[in-house]
């Protein structure tokens, strides 16, 4: 009795670990979420009957993720899909993402749901978790290098900007020269006007003095 209770406890701990890993995978892998969505929408229950060791696990797909339990969910008399396989076969199917390995798993149930479960298994795997973690920690560093066409387009844009700026500089230079010329002309006119005014005043003063003497 103690041995059976101990084995059941180990199984529950293992299921909690696997359930947490599945939750993390679903968060990191959008393709896996797409594969799980139709199963979650239908509330599909999958019974996984493993040999060596002999274990039976029930996976319930829901909007909260994939819930694992050693017993059939309350309110369900039977699972939608039943998978009979050796443990090594399941591990091989998950780690390889290979359709041939997945097809070797014996599945019973409605054909559409069986096909959806197969797609989910093929999308599932440790590779997805590792890739998701790498992308998450790298952030923007994981962006691919620009192509030659993109680089050529950027260079062309830079050239156009430089050309536009050069045109603006030339226009401003011309306007500046025009202003300098205008200022010089005004200064010259002002100088001439001043001289004419002084000469006119001198002539006027001389004329007045001549009248007074006479």
N, C-alpha and C. Protein backbone atom coordinates (compact mmCIF):
# COMPACT_ATOMS: atom_id res chain seq x y z
N UNK A 1 0.84 -1.20 0.00
CA UNK A 1 0.00 0.00 0.00
C UNK A 1 0.87 1.26 0.00
N UNK A 2 1.94 1.26 0.85
CA UNK A 2 2.85 2.39 0.91
C UNK A 2 3.56 2.59 -0.42
N UNK A 3 3.96 1.47 -1.06
CA UNK A 3 4.66 1.55 -2.33
C UNK A 3 3.77 2.15 -3.41
N UNK A 4 2.49 1.75 -3.41
CA UNK A 4 1.54 2.27 -4.39
C UNK A 4 1.32 3.76 -4.18
N UNK A 5 1.21 4.17 -2.91
CA UNK A 5 1.01 5.59 -2.59
C UNK A 5 2.22 6.41 -3.00
N UNK A 6 3.42 5.86 -2.76
CA UNK A 6 4.65 6.54 -3.12
C UNK A 6 4.76 6.72 -4.63
N UNK A 7 4.45 5.68 -5.40
CA UNK A 7 4.49 5.74 -6.86
C UNK A 7 3.51 6.77 -7.39
N UNK A 8 2.32 6.84 -6.77
CA UNK A 8 1.29 7.80 -7.18
C UNK A 8 1.78 9.23 -6.93
N UNK A 9 2.50 9.43 -5.81
CA UNK A 9 3.02 10.76 -5.49
C UNK A 9 4.07 11.19 -6.50
N UNK A 10 4.97 10.24 -6.84
CA UNK A 10 5.99 10.53 -7.85
C UNK A 10 5.35 10.89 -9.19
N UNK A 11 4.29 10.17 -9.55
CA UNK A 11 3.60 10.42 -10.82
C UNK A 11 2.99 11.82 -10.83
N UNK A 12 2.38 12.22 -9.71
CA UNK A 12 1.77 13.55 -9.63
C UNK A 12 2.83 14.65 -9.76
N UNK A 13 3.98 14.45 -9.11
CA UNK A 13 5.07 15.42 -9.21
C UNK A 13 5.56 15.52 -10.64
N UNK A 14 5.71 14.36 -11.29
CA UNK A 14 6.17 14.33 -12.68
C UNK A 14 5.17 15.03 -13.60
N UNK A 15 3.87 14.82 -13.36
CA UNK A 15 2.84 15.44 -14.19
C UNK A 15 2.83 16.96 -14.01
N UNK A 16 3.06 17.43 -12.78
CA UNK A 16 3.12 18.87 -12.54
C UNK A 16 4.30 19.47 -13.31
N UNK A 17 5.42 18.78 -13.32
CA UNK A 17 6.60 19.26 -14.05
C UNK A 17 6.32 19.33 -15.55
N UNK A 18 5.74 18.26 -16.11
CA UNK A 18 5.43 18.23 -17.54
C UNK A 18 4.39 19.29 -17.89
N UNK A 19 3.40 19.47 -17.03
CA UNK A 19 2.34 20.47 -17.27
C UNK A 19 2.94 21.87 -17.31
N UNK A 20 3.88 22.17 -16.42
CA UNK A 20 4.54 23.48 -16.40
C UNK A 20 5.36 23.69 -17.67
N UNK A 21 6.05 22.62 -18.12
CA UNK A 21 6.84 22.71 -19.35
C UNK A 21 5.94 22.97 -20.55
N UNK A 22 4.78 22.31 -20.59
CA UNK A 22 3.84 22.51 -21.69
C UNK A 22 3.30 23.95 -21.69
N UNK A 23 3.02 24.47 -20.52
CA UNK A 23 2.54 25.85 -20.40
C UNK A 23 3.57 26.83 -20.95
N UNK A 24 4.84 26.59 -20.60
CA UNK A 24 5.93 27.45 -21.09
C UNK A 24 6.06 27.34 -22.60
N UNK A 25 5.97 26.12 -23.12
CA UNK A 25 6.07 25.92 -24.56
C UNK A 25 4.95 26.65 -25.30
N UNK A 26 3.74 26.57 -24.77
CA UNK A 26 2.60 27.22 -25.41
C UNK A 26 2.76 28.74 -25.43
N UNK A 27 3.41 29.29 -24.42
CA UNK A 27 3.62 30.73 -24.37
C UNK A 27 4.69 31.17 -25.37
N UNK A 28 5.71 30.33 -25.53
CA UNK A 28 6.86 30.71 -26.37
C UNK A 28 6.67 30.38 -27.84
N UNK A 29 5.88 29.37 -28.14
CA UNK A 29 5.77 28.88 -29.52
C UNK A 29 4.38 29.17 -30.08
N UNK A 30 4.24 30.19 -30.96
CA UNK A 30 2.92 30.51 -31.53
C UNK A 30 2.37 29.39 -32.41
N UNK A 31 3.26 28.64 -33.08
CA UNK A 31 2.80 27.53 -33.93
C UNK A 31 2.18 26.42 -33.08
N UNK A 32 2.76 26.19 -31.91
CA UNK A 32 2.21 25.17 -31.01
C UNK A 32 0.85 25.62 -30.49
N UNK A 33 0.70 26.92 -30.22
CA UNK A 33 -0.60 27.43 -29.78
C UNK A 33 -1.66 27.23 -30.86
N UNK A 34 -1.26 27.44 -32.12
CA UNK A 34 -2.20 27.22 -33.23
C UNK A 34 -2.64 25.76 -33.30
N UNK A 35 -1.69 24.86 -33.06
CA UNK A 35 -2.00 23.43 -33.11
C UNK A 35 -2.90 23.01 -31.94
N UNK A 36 -2.74 23.68 -30.80
CA UNK A 36 -3.52 23.32 -29.61
C UNK A 36 -4.91 23.98 -29.60
N UNK A 37 -5.07 25.08 -30.35
CA UNK A 37 -6.31 25.84 -30.29
C UNK A 37 -7.57 25.02 -30.61
N UNK A 38 -7.62 24.29 -31.75
CA UNK A 38 -8.85 23.53 -32.04
C UNK A 38 -9.13 22.44 -31.00
N UNK A 39 -8.09 21.87 -30.42
CA UNK A 39 -8.29 20.86 -29.37
C UNK A 39 -8.84 21.52 -28.10
N UNK A 40 -8.31 22.71 -27.77
CA UNK A 40 -8.79 23.43 -26.59
C UNK A 40 -10.22 23.91 -26.78
N UNK A 41 -10.54 24.31 -27.99
CA UNK A 41 -11.89 24.80 -28.30
C UNK A 41 -12.93 23.70 -28.08
N UNK A 42 -12.54 22.46 -28.37
CA UNK A 42 -13.46 21.33 -28.21
C UNK A 42 -13.34 20.68 -26.83
N UNK A 43 -12.37 21.13 -26.02
CA UNK A 43 -12.17 20.52 -24.72
C UNK A 43 -11.77 19.06 -24.82
N UNK A 44 -10.91 18.76 -25.78
CA UNK A 44 -10.51 17.37 -26.06
C UNK A 44 -9.76 16.76 -24.88
N UNK A 45 -10.12 15.50 -24.58
CA UNK A 45 -9.43 14.75 -23.54
C UNK A 45 -8.71 13.57 -24.21
N UNK A 46 -7.40 13.48 -23.97
CA UNK A 46 -6.58 12.43 -24.56
C UNK A 46 -6.07 11.51 -23.45
N UNK A 47 -6.30 10.21 -23.61
CA UNK A 47 -5.78 9.22 -22.67
C UNK A 47 -4.49 8.65 -23.23
N UNK A 48 -3.41 8.77 -22.48
CA UNK A 48 -2.11 8.27 -22.91
C UNK A 48 -1.77 7.04 -22.06
N UNK A 49 -1.82 5.87 -22.69
CA UNK A 49 -1.54 4.61 -22.00
C UNK A 49 -0.16 4.12 -22.40
N UNK A 50 0.77 4.23 -21.46
CA UNK A 50 2.16 3.89 -21.74
C UNK A 50 2.52 2.51 -21.19
N UNK A 51 3.47 1.87 -21.90
CA UNK A 51 4.02 0.60 -21.45
C UNK A 51 5.51 0.77 -21.20
N UNK A 52 5.98 0.11 -20.19
CA UNK A 52 7.41 0.19 -19.79
C UNK A 52 7.84 1.62 -19.49
N UNK A 53 7.44 2.19 -18.37
CA UNK A 53 6.58 1.59 -17.35
C UNK A 53 5.09 1.72 -17.71
N UNK A 54 4.26 0.96 -17.04
CA UNK A 54 2.83 0.98 -17.30
C UNK A 54 2.22 2.17 -16.56
N UNK A 55 1.82 3.18 -17.31
CA UNK A 55 1.24 4.41 -16.73
C UNK A 55 0.10 4.86 -17.62
N UNK A 56 -0.94 5.39 -16.99
CA UNK A 56 -2.05 5.98 -17.74
C UNK A 56 -2.22 7.43 -17.31
N UNK A 57 -2.17 8.32 -18.28
CA UNK A 57 -2.26 9.76 -18.03
C UNK A 57 -3.35 10.35 -18.92
N UNK A 58 -4.09 11.31 -18.36
CA UNK A 58 -5.15 11.97 -19.12
C UNK A 58 -4.77 13.44 -19.32
N UNK A 59 -4.79 13.87 -20.58
CA UNK A 59 -4.46 15.25 -20.93
C UNK A 59 -5.73 15.96 -21.41
N UNK A 60 -6.08 17.03 -20.73
CA UNK A 60 -7.27 17.80 -21.09
C UNK A 60 -6.84 19.14 -21.68
N UNK A 61 -7.24 19.39 -22.93
CA UNK A 61 -6.91 20.65 -23.60
C UNK A 61 -7.97 21.70 -23.24
N UNK A 62 -7.50 22.86 -22.78
CA UNK A 62 -8.42 23.95 -22.43
C UNK A 62 -7.74 25.27 -22.75
N UNK A 63 -8.50 26.36 -22.55
CA UNK A 63 -7.94 27.69 -22.80
C UNK A 63 -6.83 28.04 -21.81
N UNK A 64 -6.75 27.32 -20.70
CA UNK A 64 -5.70 27.55 -19.70
C UNK A 64 -4.42 26.79 -20.02
N UNK A 65 -4.50 25.90 -21.01
CA UNK A 65 -3.33 25.09 -21.36
C UNK A 65 -3.70 23.62 -21.45
N UNK A 66 -2.70 22.78 -21.24
CA UNK A 66 -2.92 21.33 -21.25
C UNK A 66 -2.82 20.84 -19.80
N UNK A 67 -3.94 20.37 -19.26
CA UNK A 67 -4.00 19.91 -17.87
C UNK A 67 -3.78 18.40 -17.84
N UNK A 68 -2.86 17.94 -17.00
CA UNK A 68 -2.52 16.53 -16.89
C UNK A 68 -2.99 15.97 -15.56
N UNK A 69 -3.51 14.74 -15.61
CA UNK A 69 -4.00 14.09 -14.39
C UNK A 69 -3.91 12.59 -14.57
N UNK A 70 -3.84 11.88 -13.44
CA UNK A 70 -3.77 10.42 -13.48
C UNK A 70 -5.16 9.81 -13.57
N UNK A 71 -6.19 10.65 -13.48
CA UNK A 71 -7.57 10.16 -13.53
C UNK A 71 -8.36 10.93 -14.59
N UNK A 72 -9.40 10.30 -15.08
CA UNK A 72 -10.27 10.93 -16.07
C UNK A 72 -10.96 12.14 -15.44
N UNK A 73 -11.03 13.28 -16.15
CA UNK A 73 -11.67 14.48 -15.59
C UNK A 73 -13.10 14.21 -15.16
N UNK A 74 -13.52 14.91 -14.12
CA UNK A 74 -14.88 14.77 -13.62
C UNK A 74 -15.87 15.20 -14.70
N UNK A 75 -16.92 14.42 -14.87
CA UNK A 75 -17.94 14.72 -15.87
C UNK A 75 -17.70 14.05 -17.20
N UNK A 76 -16.57 13.33 -17.34
CA UNK A 76 -16.26 12.62 -18.58
C UNK A 76 -16.26 11.13 -18.31
N UNK A 77 -17.00 10.42 -19.15
CA UNK A 77 -17.07 8.95 -18.98
C UNK A 77 -15.97 8.24 -19.75
N UNK A 78 -15.46 8.89 -20.81
CA UNK A 78 -14.40 8.30 -21.60
C UNK A 78 -13.63 9.41 -22.34
N UNK A 79 -12.39 9.16 -22.70
CA UNK A 79 -11.60 10.17 -23.42
C UNK A 79 -12.01 10.25 -24.89
N UNK A 80 -11.64 11.34 -25.56
CA UNK A 80 -11.94 11.51 -26.99
C UNK A 80 -10.94 10.73 -27.85
N UNK A 81 -9.69 10.74 -27.41
CA UNK A 81 -8.63 10.04 -28.15
C UNK A 81 -7.83 9.20 -27.16
N UNK A 82 -7.51 7.97 -27.57
CA UNK A 82 -6.70 7.07 -26.74
C UNK A 82 -5.42 6.75 -27.49
N UNK A 83 -4.27 6.93 -26.81
CA UNK A 83 -2.97 6.62 -27.41
C UNK A 83 -2.35 5.46 -26.64
N UNK A 84 -2.05 4.38 -27.34
CA UNK A 84 -1.37 3.22 -26.76
C UNK A 84 0.03 3.14 -27.36
N UNK A 85 1.05 3.21 -26.51
CA UNK A 85 2.42 3.18 -27.03
C UNK A 85 3.40 2.91 -25.91
N UNK A 86 4.59 2.51 -26.31
CA UNK A 86 5.69 2.38 -25.36
C UNK A 86 6.25 3.78 -25.07
N UNK A 87 6.80 3.93 -23.89
CA UNK A 87 7.33 5.24 -23.48
C UNK A 87 8.36 5.76 -24.47
N UNK A 88 9.23 4.86 -24.95
CA UNK A 88 10.28 5.27 -25.87
C UNK A 88 9.71 5.78 -27.19
N UNK A 89 8.55 5.22 -27.61
CA UNK A 89 7.91 5.67 -28.85
C UNK A 89 7.39 7.10 -28.72
N UNK A 90 6.81 7.39 -27.56
CA UNK A 90 6.29 8.74 -27.32
C UNK A 90 7.43 9.75 -27.26
N UNK A 91 8.50 9.38 -26.54
CA UNK A 91 9.67 10.26 -26.44
C UNK A 91 10.27 10.52 -27.82
N UNK A 92 10.35 9.49 -28.63
CA UNK A 92 10.90 9.61 -29.98
C UNK A 92 10.04 10.53 -30.85
N UNK A 93 8.73 10.37 -30.75
CA UNK A 93 7.81 11.20 -31.55
C UNK A 93 7.92 12.68 -31.16
N UNK A 94 8.09 12.94 -29.86
CA UNK A 94 8.15 14.33 -29.39
C UNK A 94 9.47 14.99 -29.75
N UNK A 95 10.56 14.25 -29.61
CA UNK A 95 11.89 14.85 -29.81
C UNK A 95 12.28 14.99 -31.28
N UNK A 96 11.71 14.14 -32.15
CA UNK A 96 12.12 14.17 -33.56
C UNK A 96 11.24 15.03 -34.44
N UNK A 97 10.02 15.35 -34.01
CA UNK A 97 9.06 16.10 -34.85
C UNK A 97 8.82 15.35 -36.17
N UNK A 98 8.93 14.04 -36.14
CA UNK A 98 8.85 13.25 -37.37
C UNK A 98 7.46 12.66 -37.51
N UNK A 99 6.86 12.84 -38.69
CA UNK A 99 5.51 12.31 -38.92
C UNK A 99 5.49 10.79 -38.88
N UNK A 100 6.58 10.17 -39.33
CA UNK A 100 6.65 8.71 -39.32
C UNK A 100 6.64 8.17 -37.90
N UNK A 101 7.37 8.82 -37.00
CA UNK A 101 7.38 8.40 -35.60
C UNK A 101 6.02 8.60 -34.95
N UNK A 102 5.35 9.70 -35.33
CA UNK A 102 4.02 9.98 -34.78
C UNK A 102 3.00 8.96 -35.28
N UNK A 103 3.12 8.56 -36.54
CA UNK A 103 2.18 7.59 -37.11
C UNK A 103 2.30 6.21 -36.46
N UNK A 104 3.46 5.92 -35.87
CA UNK A 104 3.66 4.62 -35.21
C UNK A 104 2.89 4.51 -33.90
N UNK A 105 2.47 5.66 -33.37
CA UNK A 105 1.67 5.65 -32.14
C UNK A 105 0.26 5.15 -32.47
N UNK A 106 -0.22 4.18 -31.70
CA UNK A 106 -1.57 3.66 -31.91
C UNK A 106 -2.59 4.61 -31.30
N UNK A 107 -3.43 5.19 -32.15
CA UNK A 107 -4.44 6.15 -31.67
C UNK A 107 -5.83 5.69 -32.07
N UNK A 108 -6.74 5.83 -31.13
CA UNK A 108 -8.14 5.51 -31.38
C UNK A 108 -8.99 6.73 -31.04
N UNK A 109 -9.99 6.99 -31.87
CA UNK A 109 -10.88 8.11 -31.64
C UNK A 109 -11.43 8.64 -32.95
N UNK A 110 -12.18 9.71 -32.87
CA UNK A 110 -12.75 10.33 -34.07
C UNK A 110 -11.62 10.84 -34.95
N UNK A 111 -11.71 10.57 -36.25
CA UNK A 111 -10.59 10.80 -37.17
C UNK A 111 -10.07 12.23 -37.15
N UNK A 112 -10.98 13.21 -37.09
CA UNK A 112 -10.56 14.62 -37.09
C UNK A 112 -9.75 14.94 -35.84
N UNK A 113 -10.23 14.49 -34.68
CA UNK A 113 -9.52 14.78 -33.44
C UNK A 113 -8.19 14.03 -33.38
N UNK A 114 -8.16 12.81 -33.91
CA UNK A 114 -6.90 12.06 -33.96
C UNK A 114 -5.87 12.81 -34.78
N UNK A 115 -6.30 13.35 -35.92
CA UNK A 115 -5.39 14.11 -36.78
C UNK A 115 -4.90 15.38 -36.08
N UNK A 116 -5.77 16.06 -35.34
CA UNK A 116 -5.38 17.26 -34.59
C UNK A 116 -4.36 16.94 -33.51
N UNK A 117 -4.55 15.80 -32.84
CA UNK A 117 -3.60 15.38 -31.80
C UNK A 117 -2.25 15.07 -32.42
N UNK A 118 -2.25 14.43 -33.60
CA UNK A 118 -1.00 14.12 -34.29
C UNK A 118 -0.25 15.41 -34.66
N UNK A 119 -0.99 16.40 -35.15
CA UNK A 119 -0.37 17.67 -35.50
C UNK A 119 0.23 18.36 -34.28
N UNK A 120 -0.47 18.24 -33.15
CA UNK A 120 0.03 18.84 -31.91
C UNK A 120 1.32 18.15 -31.47
N UNK A 121 1.36 16.82 -31.55
CA UNK A 121 2.55 16.07 -31.14
C UNK A 121 3.73 16.39 -32.05
N UNK A 122 3.49 16.51 -33.35
CA UNK A 122 4.57 16.82 -34.29
C UNK A 122 5.13 18.23 -34.07
N UNK A 123 4.28 19.15 -33.58
CA UNK A 123 4.73 20.51 -33.33
C UNK A 123 5.40 20.63 -31.96
N UNK A 124 5.08 19.68 -31.08
CA UNK A 124 5.62 19.69 -29.72
C UNK A 124 7.05 19.19 -29.71
N UNK A 125 7.86 19.69 -28.76
CA UNK A 125 9.22 19.17 -28.65
C UNK A 125 10.13 20.10 -27.87
N UNK A 126 11.25 19.56 -27.43
CA UNK A 126 12.23 20.33 -26.68
C UNK A 126 12.88 21.40 -27.56
N UNK A 127 12.97 21.09 -28.88
CA UNK A 127 13.56 22.06 -29.80
C UNK A 127 12.80 23.37 -29.80
N UNK A 128 11.47 23.27 -29.72
CA UNK A 128 10.63 24.48 -29.71
C UNK A 128 10.90 25.30 -28.45
N UNK A 129 11.07 24.61 -27.32
CA UNK A 129 11.34 25.30 -26.06
C UNK A 129 12.67 26.03 -26.11
N UNK A 130 13.70 25.35 -26.61
CA UNK A 130 15.04 25.94 -26.68
C UNK A 130 15.04 27.15 -27.63
N UNK A 131 14.41 26.99 -28.81
CA UNK A 131 14.35 28.09 -29.77
C UNK A 131 13.59 29.29 -29.20
N UNK A 132 12.48 29.00 -28.49
CA UNK A 132 11.70 30.07 -27.90
C UNK A 132 12.47 30.83 -26.83
N UNK A 133 13.22 30.08 -25.99
CA UNK A 133 14.03 30.72 -24.95
C UNK A 133 15.13 31.57 -25.56
N UNK A 134 15.78 31.04 -26.60
CA UNK A 134 16.86 31.79 -27.26
C UNK A 134 16.32 33.09 -27.84
N UNK A 135 15.17 33.04 -28.52
CA UNK A 135 14.58 34.24 -29.12
C UNK A 135 14.18 35.24 -28.05
N UNK A 136 13.67 34.72 -26.91
CA UNK A 136 13.21 35.61 -25.85
C UNK A 136 14.37 36.35 -25.21
N UNK A 137 15.48 35.64 -24.95
CA UNK A 137 16.63 36.26 -24.30
C UNK A 137 17.44 37.12 -25.26
N UNK A 138 17.49 36.74 -26.54
CA UNK A 138 18.23 37.53 -27.52
C UNK A 138 17.52 38.82 -27.84
N UNK A 139 16.19 38.75 -27.88
CA UNK A 139 15.42 39.95 -28.22
C UNK A 139 15.70 40.40 -29.61
N UNK A 140 16.07 41.67 -29.77
CA UNK A 140 16.33 42.24 -31.10
C UNK A 140 17.60 41.75 -31.71
N UNK A 141 18.50 41.08 -30.94
CA UNK A 141 19.78 40.65 -31.48
C UNK A 141 19.63 39.53 -32.49
N UNK A 142 18.48 38.86 -32.46
CA UNK A 142 18.31 37.72 -33.34
C UNK A 142 17.82 38.08 -34.73
N UNK A 143 17.77 39.36 -35.04
CA UNK A 143 17.26 39.78 -36.36
C UNK A 143 18.26 39.42 -37.45
N UNK A 144 17.72 39.04 -38.58
CA UNK A 144 18.58 38.64 -39.69
C UNK A 144 19.22 39.86 -40.34
N UNK A 145 20.36 39.64 -41.00
CA UNK A 145 21.08 40.73 -41.65
C UNK A 145 20.32 41.20 -42.89
N UNK A 146 20.40 42.49 -43.22
CA UNK A 146 19.69 42.98 -44.41
C UNK A 146 20.28 42.38 -45.68
N UNK A 147 19.42 42.19 -46.67
CA UNK A 147 19.85 41.62 -47.94
C UNK A 147 20.59 42.68 -48.76
N UNK A 148 21.21 42.23 -49.85
CA UNK A 148 21.94 43.15 -50.73
C UNK A 148 21.00 44.18 -51.35
N UNK A 149 19.80 43.73 -51.68
CA UNK A 149 18.82 44.64 -52.27
C UNK A 149 18.43 45.74 -51.28
N UNK A 150 18.24 45.34 -50.01
CA UNK A 150 17.89 46.31 -48.98
C UNK A 150 19.04 47.30 -48.75
N UNK A 151 20.27 46.78 -48.74
CA UNK A 151 21.44 47.65 -48.56
C UNK A 151 21.57 48.64 -49.72
N UNK A 152 21.33 48.15 -50.97
CA UNK A 152 21.41 49.02 -52.15
C UNK A 152 20.34 50.11 -52.08
N UNK A 153 19.14 49.73 -51.62
CA UNK A 153 18.06 50.71 -51.49
C UNK A 153 18.39 51.77 -50.45
N UNK A 154 19.00 51.33 -49.33
CA UNK A 154 19.39 52.29 -48.29
C UNK A 154 20.45 53.26 -48.81
N UNK A 155 21.45 52.71 -49.56
CA UNK A 155 22.50 53.56 -50.13
C UNK A 155 21.91 54.59 -51.08
N UNK A 156 20.95 54.16 -51.90
CA UNK A 156 20.32 55.06 -52.86
C UNK A 156 19.55 56.17 -52.13
N UNK A 157 18.86 55.78 -51.03
CA UNK A 157 18.14 56.77 -50.24
C UNK A 157 19.10 57.80 -49.62
N UNK A 158 20.25 57.29 -49.12
CA UNK A 158 21.25 58.19 -48.56
C UNK A 158 21.77 59.18 -49.61
N UNK A 159 22.02 58.65 -50.83
CA UNK A 159 22.51 59.50 -51.91
C UNK A 159 21.50 60.60 -52.24
N UNK A 160 20.21 60.23 -52.29
CA UNK A 160 19.17 61.21 -52.59
C UNK A 160 19.10 62.28 -51.50
N UNK A 161 19.22 61.85 -50.24
CA UNK A 161 19.19 62.81 -49.14
C UNK A 161 20.38 63.77 -49.21
N UNK A 162 21.56 63.21 -49.51
CA UNK A 162 22.76 64.05 -49.62
C UNK A 162 22.60 65.05 -50.76
N UNK A 163 22.04 64.57 -51.89
CA UNK A 163 21.83 65.45 -53.04
C UNK A 163 20.86 66.57 -52.71
N UNK A 164 19.77 66.25 -52.00
CA UNK A 164 18.80 67.26 -51.61
C UNK A 164 19.42 68.29 -50.68
N UNK A 165 20.23 67.79 -49.71
CA UNK A 165 20.89 68.71 -48.78
C UNK A 165 21.89 69.61 -49.50
N UNK A 166 22.60 69.05 -50.49
CA UNK A 166 23.56 69.84 -51.26
C UNK A 166 22.85 70.93 -52.06
N UNK A 167 21.69 70.56 -52.62
CA UNK A 167 20.90 71.55 -53.37
C UNK A 167 20.44 72.68 -52.46
N UNK A 168 20.01 72.33 -51.24
CA UNK A 168 19.57 73.34 -50.28
C UNK A 168 20.74 74.25 -49.89
N UNK A 169 21.92 73.65 -49.70
CA UNK A 169 23.10 74.44 -49.35
C UNK A 169 23.46 75.42 -50.47
N UNK A 170 23.40 74.93 -51.72
CA UNK A 170 23.71 75.79 -52.87
C UNK A 170 22.72 76.95 -52.97
N UNK A 171 21.44 76.64 -52.74
CA UNK A 171 20.41 77.68 -52.80
C UNK A 171 20.65 78.75 -51.74
N UNK A 172 20.96 78.30 -50.51
CA UNK A 172 21.23 79.23 -49.42
C UNK A 172 22.48 80.07 -49.70
N UNK A 173 23.49 79.44 -50.30
CA UNK A 173 24.72 80.17 -50.64
C UNK A 173 24.45 81.29 -51.64
N UNK A 174 23.64 80.96 -52.67
CA UNK A 174 23.28 81.96 -53.69
C UNK A 174 22.51 83.12 -53.06
N UNK A 175 21.53 82.78 -52.19
CA UNK A 175 20.74 83.82 -51.53
C UNK A 175 21.62 84.68 -50.64
N UNK A 176 22.59 84.07 -49.98
CA UNK A 176 23.51 84.82 -49.12
C UNK A 176 24.34 85.81 -49.93
N UNK A 177 24.81 85.35 -51.10
CA UNK A 177 25.60 86.24 -51.98
C UNK A 177 24.74 87.40 -52.48
N UNK A 178 23.48 87.09 -52.82
CA UNK A 178 22.58 88.14 -53.28
C UNK A 178 22.36 89.20 -52.19
N UNK A 179 22.22 88.70 -50.96
CA UNK A 179 22.02 89.63 -49.84
C UNK A 179 23.27 90.49 -49.63
N UNK A 180 24.45 89.87 -49.74
CA UNK A 180 25.70 90.62 -49.59
C UNK A 180 25.81 91.71 -50.65
N UNK A 181 25.44 91.34 -51.89
CA UNK A 181 25.48 92.32 -52.99
C UNK A 181 24.52 93.47 -52.73
N UNK A 182 23.31 93.13 -52.26
CA UNK A 182 22.31 94.16 -51.96
C UNK A 182 22.79 95.10 -50.87
N UNK A 183 23.41 94.52 -49.83
CA UNK A 183 23.93 95.34 -48.73
C UNK A 183 25.01 96.29 -49.22
N UNK A 184 25.93 95.76 -50.06
CA UNK A 184 27.01 96.59 -50.61
C UNK A 184 26.44 97.74 -51.45
N UNK A 185 25.41 97.44 -52.26
CA UNK A 185 24.79 98.48 -53.09
C UNK A 185 24.15 99.55 -52.22
N UNK A 186 23.47 99.13 -51.16
CA UNK A 186 22.84 100.10 -50.26
C UNK A 186 23.88 100.96 -49.55
N UNK A 187 24.98 100.30 -49.14
CA UNK A 187 26.06 101.06 -48.50
C UNK A 187 26.66 102.09 -49.46
N UNK A 188 26.85 101.68 -50.73
CA UNK A 188 27.41 102.59 -51.74
C UNK A 188 26.47 103.77 -51.99
N UNK A 189 25.16 103.48 -52.10
CA UNK A 189 24.18 104.54 -52.32
C UNK A 189 24.14 105.50 -51.14
N UNK A 190 24.23 104.92 -49.92
CA UNK A 190 24.20 105.76 -48.73
C UNK A 190 25.42 106.68 -48.68
N UNK A 191 26.57 106.15 -49.08
CA UNK A 191 27.81 106.94 -49.09
C UNK A 191 27.70 108.10 -50.10
N UNK A 192 27.18 107.75 -51.30
CA UNK A 192 27.02 108.77 -52.35
C UNK A 192 26.05 109.86 -51.91
N UNK A 193 24.94 109.42 -51.28
CA UNK A 193 23.94 110.37 -50.80
C UNK A 193 24.52 111.30 -49.73
N UNK A 194 25.35 110.73 -48.89
CA UNK A 194 25.98 111.55 -47.83
C UNK A 194 26.90 112.61 -48.44
N UNK A 195 27.70 112.19 -49.42
CA UNK A 195 28.61 113.14 -50.09
C UNK A 195 27.83 114.26 -50.78
N UNK A 196 26.79 113.86 -51.50
CA UNK A 196 25.96 114.85 -52.22
C UNK A 196 25.34 115.83 -51.23
N UNK A 197 24.87 115.31 -50.11
CA UNK A 197 24.24 116.16 -49.10
C UNK A 197 25.24 117.16 -48.52
N UNK A 198 26.47 116.65 -48.22
CA UNK A 198 27.51 117.54 -47.66
C UNK A 198 27.88 118.63 -48.67
N UNK A 199 28.07 118.24 -49.93
CA UNK A 199 28.42 119.21 -50.98
C UNK A 199 27.32 120.26 -51.13
N UNK A 200 26.04 119.78 -51.09
CA UNK A 200 24.92 120.70 -51.24
C UNK A 200 24.88 121.70 -50.08
N UNK A 201 25.17 121.21 -48.88
CA UNK A 201 25.18 122.10 -47.73
C UNK A 201 26.30 123.14 -47.84
N UNK A 202 27.47 122.70 -48.31
CA UNK A 202 28.61 123.63 -48.47
C UNK A 202 28.28 124.71 -49.49
N UNK A 203 27.67 124.27 -50.60
CA UNK A 203 27.29 125.24 -51.64
C UNK A 203 26.28 126.24 -51.10
N UNK A 204 25.31 125.71 -50.32
CA UNK A 204 24.28 126.58 -49.76
C UNK A 204 24.89 127.59 -48.78
N UNK A 205 25.83 127.09 -47.95
CA UNK A 205 26.45 127.98 -46.99
C UNK A 205 27.29 129.05 -47.69
N UNK A 206 28.00 128.66 -48.77
CA UNK A 206 28.81 129.62 -49.53
C UNK A 206 27.94 130.69 -50.16
N UNK A 207 26.77 130.24 -50.67
CA UNK A 207 25.86 131.19 -51.32
C UNK A 207 25.33 132.20 -50.30
N UNK A 208 25.01 131.72 -49.12
CA UNK A 208 24.49 132.61 -48.09
C UNK A 208 25.56 133.62 -47.68
N UNK A 209 26.77 133.14 -47.52
CA UNK A 209 27.85 134.05 -47.11
C UNK A 209 28.08 135.11 -48.19
N UNK A 210 28.05 134.73 -49.46
CA UNK A 210 28.25 135.68 -50.57
C UNK A 210 27.17 136.76 -50.59
N UNK A 211 25.95 136.38 -50.32
CA UNK A 211 24.85 137.34 -50.29
C UNK A 211 25.03 138.34 -49.14
N UNK A 212 25.48 137.83 -48.02
CA UNK A 212 25.65 138.70 -46.87
C UNK A 212 26.77 139.71 -47.08
N UNK A 213 27.83 139.30 -47.74
CA UNK A 213 28.96 140.20 -48.01
C UNK A 213 28.54 141.28 -48.98
N UNK A 214 27.81 140.91 -49.99
CA UNK A 214 27.38 141.91 -50.97
C UNK A 214 26.33 142.85 -50.35
